[in-house]
C-alpha cells in the first residue's frame, strides 16, 4: 500500500483525483501509511485473498467494487 499512497498523493498534488484499491488484508497498513504521510486518501478495499481467484471471480470482485471506486473518485475530484 505504500506505493499506492505515494501515487495518490502525487496525483492529488497535480490536481488529479486518485483512488487506491487494495485487498482487505492491507486495511490497517493503509491507515498507518496514510497517517505517516499526513493525508486521507480515497481507498476501496476488496475481499482478500486475490491471487488464488479465477478470472471470473476477479471480474465479479471488480464489478462489485466499481460503484465504490467511482463514488470515491467523484468525491476525490470534488475535493481537488
PDB file of N, CA and C in Angstrom:
ATOM      1  N   UNK A   1       0.803  -1.204   0.000  1.00  0.00           N
ATOM      2  CA  UNK A   1       0.000   0.000   0.000  1.00  0.00           C
ATOM      3  C   UNK A   1       0.845   1.267   0.000  1.00  0.00           C
ATOM      4  N   UNK A   2       2.117   1.136   0.350  1.00  0.00           N
ATOM      5  CA  UNK A   2       2.976   2.311   0.423  1.00  0.00           C
ATOM      6  C   UNK A   2       3.082   3.012  -0.925  1.00  0.00           C
ATOM      7  N   UNK A   3       3.349   2.249  -1.970  1.00  0.00           N
ATOM      8  CA  UNK A   3       3.451   2.848  -3.311  1.00  0.00           C
ATOM      9  C   UNK A   3       2.123   3.458  -3.732  1.00  0.00           C
ATOM     10  N   UNK A   4       1.055   2.775  -3.420  1.00  0.00           N
ATOM     11  CA  UNK A   4      -0.287   3.260  -3.756  1.00  0.00           C
ATOM     12  C   UNK A   4      -0.528   4.623  -3.112  1.00  0.00           C
ATOM     13  N   UNK A   5      -0.169   4.754  -1.846  1.00  0.00           N
ATOM     14  CA  UNK A   5      -0.374   6.018  -1.125  1.00  0.00           C
ATOM     15  C   UNK A   5       0.460   7.140  -1.738  1.00  0.00           C
ATOM     16  N   UNK A   6       1.699   6.829  -2.051  1.00  0.00           N
ATOM     17  CA  UNK A   6       2.561   7.839  -2.671  1.00  0.00           C
ATOM     18  C   UNK A   6       2.027   8.239  -4.047  1.00  0.00           C
ATOM     19  N   UNK A   7       1.503   7.269  -4.792  1.00  0.00           N
ATOM     20  CA  UNK A   7       0.927   7.571  -6.106  1.00  0.00           C
ATOM     21  C   UNK A   7      -0.286   8.481  -5.977  1.00  0.00           C
ATOM     22  N   UNK A   8      -1.158   8.183  -5.020  1.00  0.00           N
ATOM     23  CA  UNK A   8      -2.349   9.025  -4.828  1.00  0.00           C
ATOM     24  C   UNK A   8      -1.934  10.427  -4.396  1.00  0.00           C
ATOM     25  N   UNK A   9      -0.989  10.519  -3.479  1.00  0.00           N
ATOM     26  CA  UNK A   9      -0.511  11.832  -3.041  1.00  0.00           C
ATOM     27  C   UNK A   9       0.071  12.615  -4.216  1.00  0.00           C
ATOM     28  N   UNK A  10       0.819  11.942  -5.072  1.00  0.00           N
ATOM     29  CA  UNK A  10       1.392  12.602  -6.250  1.00  0.00           C
ATOM     30  C   UNK A  10       0.296  13.082  -7.190  1.00  0.00           C
ATOM     31  N   UNK A  11      -0.685  12.228  -7.451  1.00  0.00           N
ATOM     32  CA  UNK A  11      -1.793  12.633  -8.323  1.00  0.00           C
ATOM     33  C   UNK A  11      -2.507  13.848  -7.762  1.00  0.00           C
ATOM     34  N   UNK A  12      -2.826  13.803  -6.468  1.00  0.00           N
ATOM     35  CA  UNK A  12      -3.551  14.914  -5.856  1.00  0.00           C
ATOM     36  C   UNK A  12      -2.736  16.200  -5.882  1.00  0.00           C
ATOM     37  N   UNK A  13      -1.406  16.078  -5.741  1.00  0.00           N
ATOM     38  CA  UNK A  13      -0.567  17.282  -5.794  1.00  0.00           C
ATOM     39  C   UNK A  13      -0.594  17.910  -7.184  1.00  0.00           C
ATOM     40  N   UNK A  14      -0.951  17.129  -8.183  1.00  0.00           N
ATOM     41  CA  UNK A  14      -1.061  17.626  -9.565  1.00  0.00           C
ATOM     42  C   UNK A  14      -2.486  18.039  -9.919  1.00  0.00           C
ATOM     43  N   UNK A  15      -3.393  17.950  -8.930  1.00  0.00           N
ATOM     44  CA  UNK A  15      -4.785  18.319  -9.166  1.00  0.00           C
ATOM     45  C   UNK A  15      -5.597  17.220  -9.813  1.00  0.00           C
ATOM     46  N   UNK A  16      -5.102  15.987  -9.758  1.00  0.00           N
ATOM     47  CA  UNK A  16      -5.817  14.851 -10.340  1.00  0.00           C
ATOM     48  C   UNK A  16      -6.344  13.950  -9.222  1.00  0.00           C
ATOM     49  N   UNK A  17      -7.583  13.514  -9.319  1.00  0.00           N
ATOM     50  CA  UNK A  17      -8.105  12.634  -8.271  1.00  0.00           C
ATOM     51  C   UNK A  17      -7.501  11.236  -8.386  1.00  0.00           C
ATOM     52  N   UNK A  18      -7.377  10.569  -7.269  1.00  0.00           N
ATOM     53  CA  UNK A  18      -6.875   9.203  -7.263  1.00  0.00           C
ATOM     54  C   UNK A  18      -7.625   8.371  -6.249  1.00  0.00           C
ATOM     55  N   UNK A  19      -7.751   7.097  -6.524  1.00  0.00           N
ATOM     56  CA  UNK A  19      -8.382   6.148  -5.612  1.00  0.00           C
ATOM     57  C   UNK A  19      -7.492   4.919  -5.537  1.00  0.00           C
ATOM     58  N   UNK A  20      -7.134   4.529  -4.333  1.00  0.00           N
ATOM     59  CA  UNK A  20      -6.358   3.316  -4.144  1.00  0.00           C
ATOM     60  C   UNK A  20      -7.282   2.124  -3.987  1.00  0.00           C
ATOM     61  N   UNK A  21      -6.860   1.007  -4.515  1.00  0.00           N
ATOM     62  CA  UNK A  21      -7.633  -0.227  -4.403  1.00  0.00           C
ATOM     63  C   UNK A  21      -6.693  -1.295  -3.861  1.00  0.00           C
ATOM     64  N   UNK A  22      -7.107  -1.927  -2.771  1.00  0.00           N
ATOM     65  CA  UNK A  22      -6.282  -2.963  -2.151  1.00  0.00           C
ATOM     66  C   UNK A  22      -7.196  -4.002  -1.526  1.00  0.00           C
ATOM     67  N   UNK A  23      -6.621  -5.149  -1.214  1.00  0.00           N
ATOM     68  CA  UNK A  23      -7.418  -6.159  -0.534  1.00  0.00           C
ATOM     69  C   UNK A  23      -7.533  -5.804   0.945  1.00  0.00           C
ATOM     70  N   UNK A  24      -8.546  -6.340   1.576  1.00  0.00           N
ATOM     71  CA  UNK A  24      -8.847  -6.018   2.970  1.00  0.00           C
ATOM     72  C   UNK A  24      -7.699  -6.361   3.914  1.00  0.00           C
ATOM     73  N   UNK A  25      -6.807  -7.217   3.504  1.00  0.00           N
ATOM     74  CA  UNK A  25      -5.644  -7.564   4.314  1.00  0.00           C
ATOM     75  C   UNK A  25      -4.784  -6.333   4.601  1.00  0.00           C
ATOM     76  N   UNK A  26      -4.857  -5.324   3.743  1.00  0.00           N
ATOM     77  CA  UNK A  26      -3.995  -4.157   3.856  1.00  0.00           C
ATOM     78  C   UNK A  26      -4.693  -2.940   4.457  1.00  0.00           C
ATOM     79  N   UNK A  27      -5.862  -3.125   5.037  1.00  0.00           N
ATOM     80  CA  UNK A  27      -6.626  -2.018   5.616  1.00  0.00           C
ATOM     81  C   UNK A  27      -5.823  -1.291   6.690  1.00  0.00           C
ATOM     82  N   UNK A  28      -5.287  -2.016   7.643  1.00  0.00           N
ATOM     83  CA  UNK A  28      -4.533  -1.397   8.731  1.00  0.00           C
ATOM     84  C   UNK A  28      -3.237  -0.766   8.220  1.00  0.00           C
ATOM     85  N   UNK A  29      -2.542  -1.441   7.329  1.00  0.00           N
ATOM     86  CA  UNK A  29      -1.305  -0.892   6.770  1.00  0.00           C
ATOM     87  C   UNK A  29      -1.586   0.399   6.007  1.00  0.00           C
ATOM     88  N   UNK A  30      -2.694   0.443   5.277  1.00  0.00           N
ATOM     89  CA  UNK A  30      -3.057   1.651   4.534  1.00  0.00           C
ATOM     90  C   UNK A  30      -3.338   2.805   5.491  1.00  0.00           C
ATOM     91  N   UNK A  31      -4.036   2.515   6.572  1.00  0.00           N
ATOM     92  CA  UNK A  31      -4.344   3.564   7.552  1.00  0.00           C
ATOM     93  C   UNK A  31      -3.065   4.110   8.176  1.00  0.00           C
ATOM     94  N   UNK A  32      -2.136   3.235   8.526  1.00  0.00           N
ATOM     95  CA  UNK A  32      -0.872   3.676   9.125  1.00  0.00           C
ATOM     96  C   UNK A  32      -0.047   4.489   8.128  1.00  0.00           C
ATOM     97  N   UNK A  33      -0.013   4.052   6.875  1.00  0.00           N
ATOM     98  CA  UNK A  33       0.735   4.768   5.844  1.00  0.00           C
ATOM     99  C   UNK A  33       0.127   6.142   5.592  1.00  0.00           C
ATOM    100  N   UNK A  34      -1.193   6.200   5.541  1.00  0.00           N
ATOM    101  CA  UNK A  34      -1.862   7.487   5.327  1.00  0.00           C
ATOM    102  C   UNK A  34      -1.539   8.455   6.463  1.00  0.00           C
ATOM    103  N   UNK A  35      -1.579   7.962   7.690  1.00  0.00           N
ATOM    104  CA  UNK A  35      -1.231   8.820   8.835  1.00  0.00           C
ATOM    105  C   UNK A  35       0.204   9.321   8.728  1.00  0.00           C
ATOM    106  N   UNK A  36       1.113   8.433   8.336  1.00  0.00           N
ATOM    107  CA  UNK A  36       2.517   8.850   8.261  1.00  0.00           C
ATOM    108  C   UNK A  36       2.740   9.869   7.149  1.00  0.00           C
ATOM    109  N   UNK A  37       1.925   9.817   6.109  1.00  0.00           N
ATOM    110  CA  UNK A  37       2.037  10.792   5.015  1.00  0.00           C
ATOM    111  C   UNK A  37       1.217  12.048   5.271  1.00  0.00           C
ATOM    112  N   UNK A  38       0.346  11.991   6.278  1.00  0.00           N
ATOM    113  CA  UNK A  38      -0.437  13.161   6.651  1.00  0.00           C
ATOM    114  C   UNK A  38      -1.581  13.491   5.715  1.00  0.00           C
ATOM    115  N   UNK A  39      -2.182  12.472   5.113  1.00  0.00           N
ATOM    116  CA  UNK A  39      -3.360  12.744   4.292  1.00  0.00           C
ATOM    117  C   UNK A  39      -4.313  11.559   4.342  1.00  0.00           C
ATOM    118  N   UNK A  40      -5.522  11.791   3.871  1.00  0.00           N
ATOM    119  CA  UNK A  40      -6.583  10.790   3.920  1.00  0.00           C
ATOM    120  C   UNK A  40      -6.966  10.418   2.496  1.00  0.00           C
ATOM    121  N   UNK A  41      -6.292   9.430   1.914  1.00  0.00           N
ATOM    122  CA  UNK A  41      -6.558   9.078   0.524  1.00  0.00           C
ATOM    123  C   UNK A  41      -7.893   8.364   0.354  1.00  0.00           C
ATOM    124  N   UNK A  42      -8.458   8.489  -0.804  1.00  0.00           N
ATOM    125  CA  UNK A  42      -9.647   7.717  -1.151  1.00  0.00           C
ATOM    126  C   UNK A  42      -9.199   6.278  -1.397  1.00  0.00           C
ATOM    127  N   UNK A  43      -9.807   5.341  -0.695  1.00  0.00           N
ATOM    128  CA  UNK A  43      -9.432   3.934  -0.809  1.00  0.00           C
ATOM    129  C   UNK A  43     -10.678   3.067  -0.929  1.00  0.00           C
ATOM    130  N   UNK A  44     -10.532   1.976  -1.644  1.00  0.00           N
ATOM    131  CA  UNK A  44     -11.556   0.937  -1.716  1.00  0.00           C
ATOM    132  C   UNK A  44     -10.849  -0.379  -1.419  1.00  0.00           C
ATOM    133  N   UNK A  45     -11.427  -1.139  -0.502  1.00  0.00           N
ATOM    134  CA  UNK A  45     -10.845  -2.428  -0.130  1.00  0.00           C
ATOM    135  C   UNK A  45     -11.755  -3.551  -0.601  1.00  0.00           C
ATOM    136  N   UNK A  46     -11.159  -4.547  -1.223  1.00  0.00           N
ATOM    137  CA  UNK A  46     -11.893  -5.713  -1.719  1.00  0.00           C
ATOM    138  C   UNK A  46     -11.508  -6.925  -0.880  1.00  0.00           C
ATOM    139  N   UNK A  47     -12.293  -7.978  -0.994  1.00  0.00           N
ATOM    140  CA  UNK A  47     -12.059  -9.186  -0.206  1.00  0.00           C
ATOM    141  C   UNK A  47     -10.692  -9.794  -0.505  1.00  0.00           C
ATOM    142  N   UNK A  48     -10.094 -10.309   0.541  1.00  0.00           N
ATOM    143  CA  UNK A  48      -8.784 -10.967   0.449  1.00  0.00           C
ATOM    144  C   UNK A  48      -9.004 -12.471   0.538  1.00  0.00           C
ATOM    145  N   UNK A  49      -8.257 -13.300  -0.098  1.00  0.00           N
ATOM    146  CA  UNK A  49      -7.117 -13.041  -0.973  1.00  0.00           C
ATOM    147  C   UNK A  49      -7.548 -12.810  -2.415  1.00  0.00           C
ATOM    148  N   UNK A  50      -6.603 -12.348  -3.200  1.00  0.00           N
ATOM    149  CA  UNK A  50      -6.860 -12.085  -4.615  1.00  0.00           C
ATOM    150  C   UNK A  50      -6.136 -13.085  -5.506  1.00  0.00           C
ATOM    151  N   UNK A  51      -4.914 -13.417  -5.163  1.00  0.00           N
ATOM    152  CA  UNK A  51      -4.050 -14.171  -6.072  1.00  0.00           C
ATOM    153  C   UNK A  51      -4.583 -15.544  -6.464  1.00  0.00           C
ATOM    154  N   UNK A  52      -5.407 -16.170  -5.642  1.00  0.00           N
ATOM    155  CA  UNK A  52      -5.899 -17.511  -5.963  1.00  0.00           C
ATOM    156  C   UNK A  52      -7.246 -17.519  -6.677  1.00  0.00           C
ATOM    157  N   UNK A  53      -7.738 -16.363  -7.026  1.00  0.00           N
ATOM    158  CA  UNK A  53      -9.069 -16.278  -7.644  1.00  0.00           C
ATOM    159  C   UNK A  53      -9.004 -16.549  -9.148  1.00  0.00           C
ATOM    160  N   UNK A  54     -10.084 -17.109  -9.654  1.00  0.00           N
ATOM    161  CA  UNK A  54     -10.187 -17.326 -11.099  1.00  0.00           C
ATOM    162  C   UNK A  54     -10.463 -15.993 -11.783  1.00  0.00           C
ATOM    163  N   UNK A  55     -10.336 -15.966 -13.089  1.00  0.00           N
ATOM    164  CA  UNK A  55     -10.639 -14.738 -13.848  1.00  0.00           C
ATOM    165  C   UNK A  55     -12.079 -14.295 -13.601  1.00  0.00           C
ATOM    166  N   UNK A  56     -12.998 -15.241 -13.596  1.00  0.00           N
ATOM    167  CA  UNK A  56     -14.405 -14.886 -13.361  1.00  0.00           C
ATOM    168  C   UNK A  56     -14.612 -14.313 -11.959  1.00  0.00           C
ATOM    169  N   UNK A  57     -13.934 -14.879 -10.971  1.00  0.00           N
ATOM    170  CA  UNK A  57     -14.045 -14.358  -9.608  1.00  0.00           C
ATOM    171  C   UNK A  57     -13.462 -12.950  -9.515  1.00  0.00           C
ATOM    172  N   UNK A  58     -12.356 -12.716 -10.197  1.00  0.00           N
ATOM    173  CA  UNK A  58     -11.758 -11.377 -10.195  1.00  0.00           C
ATOM    174  C   UNK A  58     -12.667 -10.360 -10.871  1.00  0.00           C
ATOM    175  N   UNK A  59     -13.291 -10.772 -11.965  1.00  0.00           N
ATOM    176  CA  UNK A  59     -14.237  -9.865 -12.640  1.00  0.00           C
ATOM    177  C   UNK A  59     -15.405  -9.525 -11.716  1.00  0.00           C
ATOM    178  N   UNK A  60     -15.925 -10.519 -11.027  1.00  0.00           N
ATOM    179  CA  UNK A  60     -17.042 -10.292 -10.099  1.00  0.00           C
ATOM    180  C   UNK A  60     -16.615  -9.368  -8.964  1.00  0.00           C
ATOM    181  N   UNK A  61     -15.413  -9.558  -8.458  1.00  0.00           N
ATOM    182  CA  UNK A  61     -14.890  -8.704  -7.395  1.00  0.00           C
ATOM    183  C   UNK A  61     -14.767  -7.265  -7.888  1.00  0.00           C
ATOM    184  N   UNK A  62     -14.238  -7.101  -9.090  1.00  0.00           N
ATOM    185  CA  UNK A  62     -14.097  -5.763  -9.678  1.00  0.00           C
ATOM    186  C   UNK A  62     -15.453  -5.131  -9.943  1.00  0.00           C
ATOM    187  N   UNK A  63     -16.382  -5.900 -10.485  1.00  0.00           N
ATOM    188  CA  UNK A  63     -17.727  -5.382 -10.743  1.00  0.00           C
ATOM    189  C   UNK A  63     -18.394  -4.922  -9.452  1.00  0.00           C
ATOM    190  N   UNK A  64     -18.219  -5.693  -8.382  1.00  0.00           N
ATOM    191  CA  UNK A  64     -18.832  -5.334  -7.101  1.00  0.00           C
ATOM    192  C   UNK A  64     -18.200  -4.076  -6.511  1.00  0.00           C
ATOM    193  N   UNK A  65     -16.911  -3.878  -6.742  1.00  0.00           N
ATOM    194  CA  UNK A  65     -16.198  -2.726  -6.189  1.00  0.00           C
ATOM    195  C   UNK A  65     -16.384  -1.458  -7.017  1.00  0.00           C
ATOM    196  N   UNK A  66     -16.768  -1.588  -8.266  1.00  0.00           N
ATOM    197  CA  UNK A  66     -16.828  -0.440  -9.173  1.00  0.00           C
ATOM    198  C   UNK A  66     -17.673   0.729  -8.657  1.00  0.00           C
ATOM    199  N   UNK A  67     -18.882   0.512  -8.130  1.00  0.00           N
ATOM    200  CA  UNK A  67     -19.640   1.669  -7.635  1.00  0.00           C
ATOM    201  C   UNK A  67     -18.904   2.450  -6.541  1.00  0.00           C
ATOM    202  N   UNK A  68     -18.245   1.748  -5.632  1.00  0.00           N
ATOM    203  CA  UNK A  68     -17.495   2.430  -4.574  1.00  0.00           C
ATOM    204  C   UNK A  68     -16.292   3.165  -5.150  1.00  0.00           C
ATOM    205  N   UNK A  69     -15.637   2.574  -6.126  1.00  0.00           N
ATOM    206  CA  UNK A  69     -14.482   3.218  -6.764  1.00  0.00           C
ATOM    207  C   UNK A  69     -14.910   4.509  -7.450  1.00  0.00           C
ATOM    208  N   UNK A  70     -15.993   4.439  -8.215  1.00  0.00           N
ATOM    209  CA  UNK A  70     -16.487   5.632  -8.920  1.00  0.00           C
ATOM    210  C   UNK A  70     -16.925   6.699  -7.920  1.00  0.00           C
ATOM    211  N   UNK A  71     -17.620   6.297  -6.867  1.00  0.00           N
ATOM    212  CA  UNK A  71     -18.079   7.263  -5.856  1.00  0.00           C
ATOM    213  C   UNK A  71     -16.894   7.963  -5.207  1.00  0.00           C
ATOM    214  N   UNK A  72     -15.859   7.228  -4.853  1.00  0.00           N
ATOM    215  CA  UNK A  72     -14.694   7.834  -4.218  1.00  0.00           C
ATOM    216  C   UNK A  72     -13.913   8.693  -5.213  1.00  0.00           C
ATOM    217  N   UNK A  73     -13.889   8.290  -6.462  1.00  0.00           N
ATOM    218  CA  UNK A  73     -13.218   9.092  -7.485  1.00  0.00           C
ATOM    219  C   UNK A  73     -13.945  10.417  -7.679  1.00  0.00           C
ATOM    220  N   UNK A  74     -15.257  10.380  -7.731  1.00  0.00           N
ATOM    221  CA  UNK A  74     -16.044  11.613  -7.867  1.00  0.00           C
ATOM    222  C   UNK A  74     -15.836  12.517  -6.655  1.00  0.00           C
ATOM    223  N   UNK A  75     -15.859  11.918  -5.451  1.00  0.00           N
ATOM    224  CA  UNK A  75     -15.641  12.711  -4.239  1.00  0.00           C
ATOM    225  C   UNK A  75     -14.231  13.279  -4.213  1.00  0.00           C
ATOM    226  N   UNK A  76     -13.236  12.494  -4.643  1.00  0.00           N
ATOM    227  CA  UNK A  76     -11.859  12.977  -4.689  1.00  0.00           C
ATOM    228  C   UNK A  76     -11.728  14.128  -5.681  1.00  0.00           C
ATOM    229  N   UNK A  77     -12.414  14.035  -6.803  1.00  0.00           N
ATOM    230  CA  UNK A  77     -12.382  15.112  -7.800  1.00  0.00           C
ATOM    231  C   UNK A  77     -12.959  16.399  -7.220  1.00  0.00           C
ATOM    232  N   UNK A  78     -14.036  16.266  -6.461  1.00  0.00           N
ATOM    233  CA  UNK A  78     -14.652  17.439  -5.862  1.00  0.00           C
ATOM    234  C   UNK A  78     -13.741  18.090  -4.830  1.00  0.00           C
ATOM    235  N   UNK A  79     -12.901  17.279  -4.184  1.00  0.00           N
ATOM    236  CA  UNK A  79     -12.016  17.786  -3.149  1.00  0.00           C
ATOM    237  C   UNK A  79     -10.734  18.397  -3.713  1.00  0.00           C
ATOM    238  N   UNK A  80     -10.395  18.050  -4.952  1.00  0.00           N
ATOM    239  CA  UNK A  80      -9.129  18.528  -5.533  1.00  0.00           C
ATOM    240  C   UNK A  80      -9.265  19.940  -6.018  1.00  0.00           C
TER     241      UNK A  80
END
